[in-house]
Amino acid sequence: MKRIKGMIFGLFIGIPLGIWFGFNMGQDRPLLSNPFNEPTFQESLKKTSENLIEKGGEVLEKSGQALQNKAEEEVDEFELPTPEPPPQ
């Protein structure tokens, strides 16, 4: 009976703490912060700007890679004229 009481007590404490910590981890907040607290304007602005910079970097990298591939294709297609042998 004592073992069952311990398991029930553990469930009553463990489940809410797990939900609390999991919710905070999902929102990139400290574990012990209030999960129902709305982010301030400054926090949401910072997160949005970080996402914008990250996405912009990815787009820039993809476009640079595409330009590099296109330049390599152009070089591969370009053939130098074969020199004619000198007259003897």
C-alpha atoms as a PDB file:
ATOM      1  CA  MET A   1       0.000   0.000   0.000  1.00  0.00           C
ATOM      2  CA  LYS A   2       2.862   2.318   0.805  1.00  0.00           C
ATOM      3  CA  ARG A   3       4.338   1.720  -2.644  1.00  0.00           C
ATOM      4  CA  ILE A   4       1.050   2.605  -4.382  1.00  0.00           C
ATOM      5  CA  LYS A   5       0.769   5.829  -2.352  1.00  0.00           C
ATOM      6  CA  GLY A   6       4.304   6.761  -3.402  1.00  0.00           C
ATOM      7  CA  MET A   7       3.510   6.132  -7.064  1.00  0.00           C
ATOM      8  CA  ILE A   8       0.309   8.190  -6.906  1.00  0.00           C
ATOM      9  CA  PHE A   9       2.152  11.003  -5.112  1.00  0.00           C
ATOM     10  CA  GLY A  10       4.882  10.879  -7.758  1.00  0.00           C
ATOM     11  CA  LEU A  11       2.319  11.096 -10.541  1.00  0.00           C
ATOM     12  CA  PHE A  12       0.534  14.050  -8.917  1.00  0.00           C
ATOM     13  CA  ILE A  13       3.827  15.911  -8.608  1.00  0.00           C
ATOM     14  CA  GLY A  14       5.647  14.624 -11.705  1.00  0.00           C
ATOM     15  CA  ILE A  15       2.995  15.195 -14.370  1.00  0.00           C
ATOM     16  CA  PRO A  16       2.362  18.909 -13.631  1.00  0.00           C
ATOM     17  CA  LEU A  17       6.100  19.584 -13.304  1.00  0.00           C
ATOM     18  CA  GLY A  18       6.769  17.759 -16.576  1.00  0.00           C
ATOM     19  CA  ILE A  19       4.087  19.775 -18.368  1.00  0.00           C
ATOM     20  CA  TRP A  20       5.407  23.015 -16.847  1.00  0.00           C
ATOM     21  CA  PHE A  21       9.025  22.338 -17.806  1.00  0.00           C
ATOM     22  CA  GLY A  22       8.098  20.987 -21.228  1.00  0.00           C
ATOM     23  CA  PHE A  23       5.999  24.020 -22.052  1.00  0.00           C
ATOM     24  CA  ASN A  24       8.817  26.365 -21.055  1.00  0.00           C
ATOM     25  CA  MET A  25      11.355  24.386 -23.067  1.00  0.00           C
ATOM     26  CA  GLY A  26       9.083  24.521 -26.118  1.00  0.00           C
ATOM     27  CA  GLN A  27       8.914  28.297 -25.871  1.00  0.00           C
ATOM     28  CA  ASP A  28      12.706  28.730 -25.356  1.00  0.00           C
ATOM     29  CA  ARG A  29      12.277  30.107 -21.851  1.00  0.00           C
ATOM     30  CA  PRO A  30      14.045  29.263 -18.578  1.00  0.00           C
ATOM     31  CA  LEU A  31      12.644  26.080 -16.991  1.00  0.00           C
ATOM     32  CA  LEU A  32      11.332  27.724 -13.824  1.00  0.00           C
ATOM     33  CA  SER A  33       9.647  30.728 -15.479  1.00  0.00           C
ATOM     34  CA  ASN A  34       5.883  31.228 -15.536  1.00  0.00           C
ATOM     35  CA  PRO A  35       4.514  29.278 -18.518  1.00  0.00           C
ATOM     36  CA  PHE A  36       1.401  31.488 -18.751  1.00  0.00           C
ATOM     37  CA  ASN A  37       3.346  34.745 -18.927  1.00  0.00           C
ATOM     38  CA  GLU A  38       3.045  36.372 -22.365  1.00  0.00           C
ATOM     39  CA  PRO A  39       6.349  37.455 -23.949  1.00  0.00           C
ATOM     40  CA  THR A  40       7.036  41.163 -23.882  1.00  0.00           C
ATOM     41  CA  PHE A  41       7.143  43.207 -27.065  1.00  0.00           C
ATOM     42  CA  GLN A  42      10.921  43.426 -26.804  1.00  0.00           C
ATOM     43  CA  GLU A  43      11.284  39.624 -26.524  1.00  0.00           C
ATOM     44  CA  SER A  44       8.995  38.971 -29.487  1.00  0.00           C
ATOM     45  CA  LEU A  45      10.780  41.646 -31.542  1.00  0.00           C
ATOM     46  CA  LYS A  46      14.155  40.081 -30.729  1.00  0.00           C
ATOM     47  CA  LYS A  47      12.939  36.598 -31.697  1.00  0.00           C
ATOM     48  CA  THR A  48      11.446  37.895 -34.959  1.00  0.00           C
ATOM     49  CA  SER A  49      14.639  39.733 -35.894  1.00  0.00           C
ATOM     50  CA  GLU A  50      16.743  36.632 -35.164  1.00  0.00           C
ATOM     51  CA  ASN A  51      14.486  34.550 -37.418  1.00  0.00           C
ATOM     52  CA  LEU A  52      14.663  37.206 -40.135  1.00  0.00           C
ATOM     53  CA  ILE A  53      18.458  37.318 -40.048  1.00  0.00           C
ATOM     54  CA  GLU A  54      18.681  33.525 -40.109  1.00  0.00           C
ATOM     55  CA  LYS A  55      16.296  33.167 -43.065  1.00  0.00           C
ATOM     56  CA  GLY A  56      18.042  35.997 -44.929  1.00  0.00           C
ATOM     57  CA  GLY A  57      21.389  34.260 -44.490  1.00  0.00           C
ATOM     58  CA  GLU A  58      19.963  31.005 -45.827  1.00  0.00           C
ATOM     59  CA  VAL A  59      18.502  32.751 -48.887  1.00  0.00           C
ATOM     60  CA  LEU A  60      21.778  34.558 -49.526  1.00  0.00           C
ATOM     61  CA  GLU A  61      23.707  31.302 -49.269  1.00  0.00           C
ATOM     62  CA  LYS A  62      21.348  29.519 -51.687  1.00  0.00           C
ATOM     63  CA  SER A  63      21.501  32.331 -54.244  1.00  0.00           C
ATOM     64  CA  GLY A  64      25.307  32.461 -54.000  1.00  0.00           C
ATOM     65  CA  GLN A  65      25.487  28.709 -54.542  1.00  0.00           C
ATOM     66  CA  ALA A  66      23.169  28.981 -57.561  1.00  0.00           C
ATOM     67  CA  LEU A  67      25.343  31.724 -59.059  1.00  0.00           C
ATOM     68  CA  GLN A  68      28.462  29.669 -58.463  1.00  0.00           C
ATOM     69  CA  ASN A  69      26.902  26.628 -60.138  1.00  0.00           C
ATOM     70  CA  LYS A  70      25.814  28.730 -63.107  1.00  0.00           C
ATOM     71  CA  ALA A  71      29.291  30.201 -63.468  1.00  0.00           C
ATOM     72  CA  GLU A  72      30.817  26.713 -63.408  1.00  0.00           C
ATOM     73  CA  GLU A  73      28.392  25.587 -66.126  1.00  0.00           C
ATOM     74  CA  GLU A  74      29.316  28.594 -68.258  1.00  0.00           C
ATOM     75  CA  VAL A  75      33.021  27.805 -67.899  1.00  0.00           C
ATOM     76  CA  ASP A  76      32.441  24.155 -68.763  1.00  0.00           C
ATOM     77  CA  GLU A  77      30.498  25.077 -71.906  1.00  0.00           C
ATOM     78  CA  PHE A  78      33.115  27.563 -73.067  1.00  0.00           C
ATOM     79  CA  GLU A  79      35.639  25.893 -75.355  1.00  0.00           C
ATOM     80  CA  LEU A  80      38.908  27.456 -76.316  1.00  0.00           C
ATOM     81  CA  PRO A  81      39.667  27.405 -80.040  1.00  0.00           C
ATOM     82  CA  THR A  82      42.303  24.893 -80.943  1.00  0.00           C
ATOM     83  CA  PRO A  83      45.437  26.554 -82.227  1.00  0.00           C
ATOM     84  CA  GLU A  84      46.297  25.892 -85.819  1.00  0.00           C
ATOM     85  CA  PRO A  85      49.696  24.388 -86.457  1.00  0.00           C
ATOM     86  CA  PRO A  86      52.220  26.845 -87.805  1.00  0.00           C
ATOM     87  CA  PRO A  87      52.914  26.658 -91.558  1.00  0.00           C
ATOM     88  CA  GLN A  88      56.152  24.913 -92.514  1.00  0.00           C
END
